Protein backbone atom coordinates (compact mmCIF):
# COMPACT_ATOMS: atom_id res chain seq x y z
CA UNK A 1 81.00 109.67 91.83
CA UNK A 2 78.83 110.65 94.26
CA UNK A 3 80.10 112.28 97.94
CA UNK A 4 78.99 113.03 101.47
CA UNK A 5 79.32 115.51 104.05
CA UNK A 6 79.50 114.54 107.37
CA UNK A 7 79.51 116.61 110.31
CA UNK A 8 81.08 116.26 113.89
CA UNK A 9 82.54 117.67 116.87
CA UNK A 10 86.17 118.72 116.42
CA UNK A 11 88.25 116.66 118.76
CA UNK A 12 92.17 116.16 118.44
CA UNK A 13 92.51 112.21 117.76
CA UNK A 14 95.53 112.14 119.25
CA UNK A 15 95.64 113.65 122.38
CA UNK A 16 91.25 113.95 122.92
CA UNK A 17 92.08 117.60 123.80
CA UNK A 18 88.53 119.42 122.41
CA UNK A 19 89.77 122.60 119.92
CA UNK A 20 88.41 125.94 118.85
CA UNK A 21 86.38 125.67 115.56
CA UNK A 22 89.54 128.04 113.81
CA UNK A 23 92.00 125.62 115.22
CA UNK A 24 94.17 123.93 112.45
CA UNK A 25 96.50 122.13 114.90
CA UNK A 26 96.07 120.75 118.53
CA UNK A 27 97.29 123.42 120.79
CA UNK A 28 97.89 120.38 123.26
CA UNK A 29 100.23 118.35 121.33
CA UNK A 30 100.61 119.66 117.87
CA UNK A 31 98.50 117.05 115.90
CA UNK A 32 96.56 118.27 112.83
CA UNK A 33 92.69 118.85 113.61
CA UNK A 34 90.16 117.07 111.19
CA UNK A 35 87.95 119.53 111.14
CA UNK A 36 83.58 119.26 111.17
CA UNK A 37 82.96 118.53 107.31
CA UNK A 38 84.72 115.45 106.03
CA UNK A 39 84.17 114.70 102.29
CA UNK A 40 83.73 110.55 101.53
CA UNK A 41 83.38 109.12 98.36
CA UNK A 42 80.43 106.86 98.25
CA UNK A 43 82.44 103.86 96.08
CA UNK A 44 85.43 104.15 98.12
CA UNK A 45 83.98 104.33 101.88
CA UNK A 46 80.63 103.17 102.54
CA UNK A 47 81.32 101.65 105.70
CA UNK A 48 83.03 104.96 106.81
CA UNK A 49 80.28 106.72 105.57
CA UNK A 50 78.07 104.49 107.41
CA UNK A 51 80.25 105.02 110.82
CA UNK A 52 80.08 109.00 110.61
CA UNK A 53 76.27 109.06 110.38
CA UNK A 54 75.82 106.74 113.44
CA UNK A 55 78.48 109.09 115.19
CA UNK A 56 76.31 112.08 114.22
CA UNK A 57 72.95 110.79 113.85
CA UNK A 58 70.01 112.16 116.59
CA UNK A 59 68.17 110.02 119.13
CA UNK A 60 65.04 110.05 116.76
CA UNK A 61 66.96 109.12 114.10
CA UNK A 62 67.98 105.78 115.06
CA UNK A 63 67.20 102.69 117.65
CA UNK A 64 71.04 101.75 117.44
CA UNK A 65 72.47 104.53 119.62
CA UNK A 66 70.93 107.66 121.00
CA UNK A 67 74.40 108.91 121.80
CA UNK A 68 75.69 111.63 119.17
CA UNK A 69 79.60 111.22 120.00
CA UNK A 70 82.05 110.01 122.25
CA UNK A 71 81.16 111.12 125.80
CA UNK A 72 77.43 111.20 125.39
CA UNK A 73 75.78 109.48 128.49
CA UNK A 74 72.78 108.04 127.04
CA UNK A 75 73.52 104.68 125.83
CA UNK A 76 76.85 105.68 124.47
CA UNK A 77 77.93 101.87 125.04
CA UNK A 78 76.03 100.68 122.57
CA UNK A 79 77.00 103.71 119.91
CA UNK A 80 80.74 102.60 121.07
CA UNK A 81 79.96 98.82 120.51
CA UNK A 82 78.71 100.45 116.59
CA UNK A 83 81.20 102.17 115.84
CA UNK A 84 83.95 99.43 116.82
CA UNK A 85 81.97 97.18 114.97
CA UNK A 86 82.09 99.58 111.84
CA UNK A 87 85.68 100.41 112.25
CA UNK A 88 86.59 96.48 112.23
CA UNK A 89 84.68 95.93 109.43
CA UNK A 90 86.08 98.68 107.27
CA UNK A 91 89.32 96.65 108.34
CA UNK A 92 88.28 93.75 106.37
CA UNK A 93 86.99 91.82 109.65
CA UNK A 94 83.56 89.75 109.67
CA UNK A 95 82.03 91.39 112.62
CA UNK A 96 78.62 90.11 115.23
CA UNK A 97 77.45 92.09 117.93
CA UNK A 98 76.79 90.46 121.53
CA UNK A 99 78.44 87.32 120.42
CA UNK A 100 77.71 84.08 123.00
CA UNK A 101 80.42 81.97 123.78
CA UNK A 102 79.80 78.62 125.95
CA UNK A 103 82.84 77.79 127.76
CA UNK A 104 81.29 75.02 130.21
CA UNK A 105 79.59 72.43 128.04
CA UNK A 106 77.78 70.30 130.88
CA UNK A 107 76.59 73.47 132.50
CA UNK A 108 75.99 75.87 129.68
CA UNK A 109 77.76 78.60 131.67
CA UNK A 110 78.90 81.65 129.10
CA UNK A 111 80.00 84.51 128.47
CA UNK A 112 79.26 87.36 125.74
CA UNK A 113 81.53 89.58 123.81
CA UNK A 114 80.18 93.16 122.91
CA UNK A 115 81.91 93.01 119.64
CA UNK A 116 83.84 89.92 117.80
CA UNK A 117 85.76 90.50 114.47
CA UNK A 118 87.07 87.57 112.60
CA UNK A 119 89.11 86.67 109.38
CA UNK A 120 90.40 83.16 108.35
CA UNK A 121 93.49 83.71 111.05
CA UNK A 122 92.41 85.90 113.63
CA UNK A 123 89.73 86.43 116.55
CA UNK A 124 89.39 90.02 117.97
CA UNK A 125 87.49 90.06 121.33
CA UNK A 126 86.18 93.88 121.88
CA UNK A 127 84.58 94.19 125.36
CA UNK A 128 83.04 97.95 125.06
CA UNK A 129 82.80 100.07 128.39
CA UNK A 130 80.91 103.32 128.78
CA UNK A 131 83.20 104.81 131.67
CA UNK A 132 81.83 107.86 133.16
CA UNK A 133 84.96 108.76 134.90
CA UNK A 134 88.49 108.34 133.45
CA UNK A 135 89.96 105.32 135.47
CA UNK A 136 88.88 101.81 134.16
CA UNK A 137 87.75 99.17 136.64
CA UNK A 138 90.77 96.63 136.76
CA UNK A 139 87.59 93.78 137.57
CA UNK A 140 86.94 94.49 134.14
CA UNK A 141 89.98 93.94 132.79
CA UNK A 142 90.86 90.49 134.47
CA UNK A 143 87.36 89.09 133.22
CA UNK A 144 88.54 89.47 129.76
CA UNK A 145 91.79 88.21 130.54
CA UNK A 146 89.96 85.54 131.99
CA UNK A 147 87.48 84.82 129.29
CA UNK A 148 90.79 85.06 126.35
CA UNK A 149 92.69 82.28 128.38
CA UNK A 150 89.91 79.90 128.23
CA UNK A 151 88.82 80.57 124.78
CA UNK A 152 92.60 80.34 123.58
CA UNK A 153 92.72 76.93 124.82
CA UNK A 154 90.08 76.33 122.36
CA UNK A 155 91.18 77.50 119.18
CA UNK A 156 94.32 77.45 116.87
CA UNK A 157 93.85 80.78 116.16
CA UNK A 158 95.21 84.20 116.85
CA UNK A 159 93.03 85.65 119.53
CA UNK A 160 93.64 89.51 120.33
CA UNK A 161 91.49 91.29 123.19
CA UNK A 162 90.23 94.95 122.87
CA UNK A 163 89.11 96.64 125.89
CA UNK A 164 87.48 99.94 124.56
CA UNK A 165 86.33 102.87 126.50
CA UNK A 166 83.91 105.66 125.70
CA UNK A 167 86.26 108.06 128.33
CA UNK A 168 89.64 109.85 127.14
CA UNK A 169 92.42 108.27 129.00
CA UNK A 170 94.26 111.00 130.99
CA UNK A 171 97.15 108.44 131.93
CA UNK A 172 95.65 106.91 135.03
CA UNK A 173 94.70 103.71 132.94
CA UNK A 174 98.60 102.97 132.24
CA UNK A 175 98.94 99.97 134.66
CA UNK A 176 95.85 98.10 133.04
CA UNK A 177 97.45 99.40 129.44
CA UNK A 178 100.74 97.68 130.17
CA UNK A 179 99.31 94.80 131.45
CA UNK A 180 97.01 93.64 128.35
CA UNK A 181 99.65 94.25 126.41
CA UNK A 182 101.45 91.21 128.34
CA UNK A 183 98.46 89.22 127.02
CA UNK A 184 98.15 89.75 123.23
CA UNK A 185 95.42 92.55 123.88
CA UNK A 186 94.59 96.31 123.90
CA UNK A 187 92.85 99.33 125.28
CA UNK A 188 91.50 101.43 123.41
CA UNK A 189 90.13 104.78 124.94
CA UNK A 190 87.77 107.73 123.02
CA UNK A 191 90.79 109.50 121.80
CA UNK A 192 92.37 106.84 120.05
CA UNK A 193 88.70 105.73 118.50
CA UNK A 194 88.44 109.07 116.99
CA UNK A 195 91.88 109.16 115.97
CA UNK A 196 90.82 105.67 114.13
CA UNK A 197 88.09 107.78 112.57
CA UNK A 198 90.29 110.07 111.46
CA UNK A 199 92.79 107.73 110.03
CA UNK A 200 90.11 106.09 107.71
CA UNK A 201 89.63 109.26 106.24
CA UNK A 202 93.31 109.90 105.97
CA UNK A 203 94.42 106.79 104.38
CA UNK A 204 91.64 107.09 102.06
CA UNK A 205 91.26 103.15 101.35
CA UNK A 206 90.35 100.28 102.88
CA UNK A 207 93.37 98.22 102.35
CA UNK A 208 95.68 100.94 103.88
CA UNK A 209 93.64 100.86 106.75
CA UNK A 210 93.54 97.36 107.19
CA UNK A 211 97.49 97.74 107.41
CA UNK A 212 97.35 100.33 109.69
CA UNK A 213 95.31 98.32 112.39
CA UNK A 214 96.97 94.99 111.70
CA UNK A 215 100.28 96.83 112.83
CA UNK A 216 98.71 98.15 115.91
CA UNK A 217 97.30 94.78 116.83
CA UNK A 218 100.62 93.49 116.10
CA UNK A 219 99.23 90.98 113.70
CA UNK A 220 101.58 89.78 110.61
CA UNK A 221 99.44 89.09 107.71
CA UNK A 222 101.62 87.05 104.94
CA UNK A 223 101.87 87.66 101.09
CA UNK A 224 98.67 86.80 99.19
CA UNK A 225 100.17 87.00 95.46
CA UNK A 226 103.31 87.53 93.66
CA UNK A 227 104.27 90.66 91.91
CA UNK A 228 105.85 89.20 88.79
CA UNK A 229 107.55 86.39 90.28
CA UNK A 230 108.85 88.77 93.24
CA UNK A 231 107.03 89.64 96.40
CA UNK A 232 106.93 93.04 96.84
CA UNK A 233 107.33 94.29 100.33
CA UNK A 234 105.22 97.85 100.93
CA UNK A 235 105.83 100.04 103.61
CA UNK A 236 104.10 103.53 104.56
CA UNK A 237 105.80 106.32 106.52
CA UNK A 238 104.81 109.90 107.39
CA UNK A 239 107.42 112.41 109.41
CA UNK A 240 107.23 116.18 109.47
CA UNK A 241 110.22 118.60 107.89
CA UNK A 242 112.33 121.03 110.29
CA UNK A 243 111.05 124.84 110.24
CA UNK A 244 112.22 126.44 107.23
CA UNK A 245 114.58 128.85 109.01
CA UNK A 246 116.28 125.88 110.11
CA UNK A 247 116.83 124.25 106.74
CA UNK A 248 119.99 125.92 105.60
CA UNK A 249 122.02 125.52 102.18
CA UNK A 250 118.98 124.68 99.45
CA UNK A 251 115.76 126.06 98.98
CA UNK A 252 112.71 124.62 101.30
CA UNK A 253 111.28 122.80 98.87
CA UNK A 254 109.79 119.11 99.21
CA UNK A 255 112.02 117.89 96.33
CA UNK A 256 114.96 118.44 97.87
CA UNK A 257 113.36 116.24 101.26
CA UNK A 258 113.13 113.34 98.52
CA UNK A 259 116.25 113.52 97.12
CA UNK A 260 118.07 113.61 99.76
CA UNK A 261 116.10 110.69 101.10
CA UNK A 262 116.88 108.82 97.58
CA UNK A 263 120.40 109.25 97.71
CA UNK A 264 120.03 107.53 101.27
CA UNK A 265 118.29 104.64 99.58
CA UNK A 266 121.30 104.38 97.51
CA UNK A 267 121.17 100.85 95.83
CA UNK A 268 119.51 98.61 98.40
CA UNK A 269 116.54 98.33 95.60
CA UNK A 270 114.19 100.11 97.90
CA UNK A 271 111.65 102.44 95.62
CA UNK A 272 109.33 105.64 96.55
CA UNK A 273 106.53 104.25 94.86
CA UNK A 274 103.39 106.85 95.85
CA UNK A 275 104.18 110.08 97.73
CA UNK A 276 101.48 112.72 99.28
CA UNK A 277 103.03 115.88 100.69
CA UNK A 278 101.20 118.40 102.75
CA UNK A 279 102.30 122.24 103.79
CA UNK A 280 101.45 122.84 107.02
CA UNK A 281 100.54 126.56 107.51
CA UNK A 282 100.63 128.84 110.21
CA UNK A 283 99.19 132.70 109.19
CA UNK A 284 99.36 131.64 105.86
CA UNK A 285 103.23 130.80 106.27
CA UNK A 286 104.58 127.72 105.45
CA UNK A 287 105.97 125.86 108.61
CA UNK A 288 106.68 122.64 107.87
CA UNK A 289 105.82 119.68 105.21
CA UNK A 290 104.32 116.48 106.27
CA UNK A 291 105.28 113.58 103.93
CA UNK A 292 103.66 110.38 103.65
CA UNK A 293 105.92 107.90 101.23
CA UNK A 294 105.27 104.39 100.04
CA UNK A 295 108.36 102.34 100.17
CA UNK A 296 108.57 99.47 97.80
CA UNK A 297 111.35 96.52 97.55
CA UNK A 298 111.09 93.52 95.50
CA UNK A 299 112.60 90.35 96.25
CA UNK A 300 112.46 86.85 95.13
CA UNK A 301 111.94 83.85 97.57
CA UNK A 302 115.73 82.39 97.51
CA UNK A 303 116.86 86.58 98.29
CA UNK A 304 114.21 86.54 101.54
CA UNK A 305 115.25 83.23 102.39
CA UNK A 306 118.84 83.96 102.32
CA UNK A 307 118.25 87.77 104.11
CA UNK A 308 116.20 85.97 107.06
CA UNK A 309 118.74 83.62 107.86
CA UNK A 310 121.61 85.98 107.95
CA UNK A 311 119.68 88.19 110.29
CA UNK A 312 117.59 85.42 112.64
CA UNK A 313 117.73 86.40 116.13
CA UNK A 314 117.39 84.33 118.62
CA UNK A 315 113.73 85.87 119.94
CA UNK A 316 112.83 84.73 116.22
CA UNK A 317 113.29 81.26 116.94
CA UNK A 318 111.05 80.90 120.12
CA UNK A 319 108.10 83.38 118.56
CA UNK A 320 108.19 81.23 115.46
CA UNK A 321 108.99 84.17 113.37
CA UNK A 322 109.06 83.27 109.45
CA UNK A 323 111.12 84.75 106.79
CA UNK A 324 108.88 86.83 105.92
CA UNK A 325 108.07 88.92 109.47
CA UNK A 326 111.91 88.72 109.98
CA UNK A 327 112.74 90.37 106.27
CA UNK A 328 109.78 93.30 107.10
CA UNK A 329 111.25 93.85 110.48
CA UNK A 330 114.67 94.78 109.38
CA UNK A 331 113.94 96.33 106.00
CA UNK A 332 111.50 98.41 108.36
CA UNK A 333 114.12 99.60 110.71
CA UNK A 334 116.53 100.61 107.83
CA UNK A 335 113.83 102.75 106.29
CA UNK A 336 113.17 104.23 109.58
CA UNK A 337 116.88 104.53 109.81
CA UNK A 338 117.22 106.44 106.97
CA UNK A 339 114.22 108.83 107.62
CA UNK A 340 116.01 109.84 110.73
CA UNK A 341 118.82 110.62 109.37
CA UNK A 342 118.12 112.63 106.36
CA UNK A 343 118.53 116.32 106.88
CA UNK A 344 115.63 118.26 106.55
CA UNK A 345 113.29 115.61 108.58
CA UNK A 346 112.42 116.50 112.14
CA UNK A 347 112.99 113.96 114.63
CA UNK A 348 113.98 113.97 118.23
CA UNK A 349 113.63 110.51 119.97
CA UNK A 350 112.58 111.65 123.57
CA UNK A 351 110.22 114.26 122.21
CA UNK A 352 106.42 114.02 122.84
CA UNK A 353 105.59 116.40 119.84
CA UNK A 354 104.10 114.86 116.85
CA UNK A 355 105.89 116.89 114.77
CA UNK A 356 109.08 115.47 115.93
CA UNK A 357 108.18 111.69 115.26
CA UNK A 358 108.51 109.57 112.12
CA UNK A 359 105.42 107.39 112.05
CA UNK A 360 105.21 104.10 110.71
CA UNK A 361 101.49 103.66 108.78
CA UNK A 362 101.79 100.13 108.06
CA UNK A 363 102.66 97.37 105.83
CA UNK A 364 101.83 94.89 102.98
CA UNK A 365 103.44 92.50 100.88
CA UNK A 366 102.07 91.51 97.64
């Protein structure tokens, strides 16, 4: 396979803080830093390669955008549109730029969406803004919400809104973020967009990245096929271990963590089908492991129906959640509970540190 290397400025994908070239972890929030050189395999990530090319070329190398990264002031709005389009395309959506929608047939009045991402069941409207400061305009938010309200009356598809901005939020847009969420919409700031760039490389394939995006956008995707007569519920989690000096009674070894998790799964039928381990070092000493685990649960349709009926809540009826959605929720909660209570897994509910969190990376059903 042919590999490509791309260079870009180092920022923390979690909080947006600029990092030193030698930093392995963010000094602001503890998240791992993706360093300047990223190797991408051509056959598996053509769009990832293209996205990084767009984020690193100079003005003379492309007419699509003359901004080299988030924060560049010259045409960085166009750069942002191109970046979002490539992210959504890699997640399996068909994308269009500057799509026109007529909302008054008699007068021809219309509005334009910077990026439209679609699949057979969903339409995602993305409004991109080159925000010079930190605070997003409330007028922009209300305009997007009005466009979404109008369009939702015209379609049976699930319609999601994204307000994307070049600036990296410092918390002053929380009100806009919360207001958008009430209408099935999201605010993506520069830090989160860079986080998605890193995630494309970290997850390594388009299917897992699509799962991650759908989970973030609160879009449920039902099963497409059966696994030898059964439905296979696949969940991906990542978590960190406690420091070695806090691990008592056994050797600080990844096999002990996996054995502890497996023993807690018991006879539930859940299996760990894929494992990825990463040693985190400081001055050549391991201070934690990062575990990324895929859990699998095979269920027949009659079992799914019975399980969902048993765990159905009043809100499930109001929101019209089907058997697969209810089963996924309960299954996810049970795995998260196992990880939270596994000796050696680091978890503090109220902590903001990345090392104290258990992250749900996404789900699939096949």
